[in-house]
C-alpha cells in the first residue's frame, strides 16, 4: 500500500532528524566543540577547575580560550597540584583521561619560569 509506504518513509525521516539533533546537542555539550576531547575524557571529568591551579596567566588563558577546558579529569586533579610543586609523579590511567596535560603543564610552567 502506497500510503503505508509513505508513512514508513516519513517515520524514517523523522528518526534521522531526531538522531541528527541528538548528535548536535551532544556536540554542543563539549566545552570546545572543535576540540578532540573524547567520550573517555568527558567520562573522567571532575568538578576541580583548572582556574584553581597556580598557573601563569598565559597558561590559564590557553587552557580556557584555546583548548576550551574548564574542569580537570581525575588523573589531572590528582597529579597536577603535586607536579606543580616540582615533585616527581608517577600516574597510571586509561588512554584518553588527560595524562598528557597532567605532565606537560608543569613542564611548560617550569620552562616558562612560572
Foldseek 3Di string as FASTA:
>chain_A
DVVVVVVVVVVVVVVVVVVVVVVVVVLVPQLDSPAPQDPVQVVQWDPAFPVPDPADPVVVCCVCPVRSDTTAGPVLVVQQVVVLVVDDDDDDDDPRNPVVCSNVRSVVRVVVVD
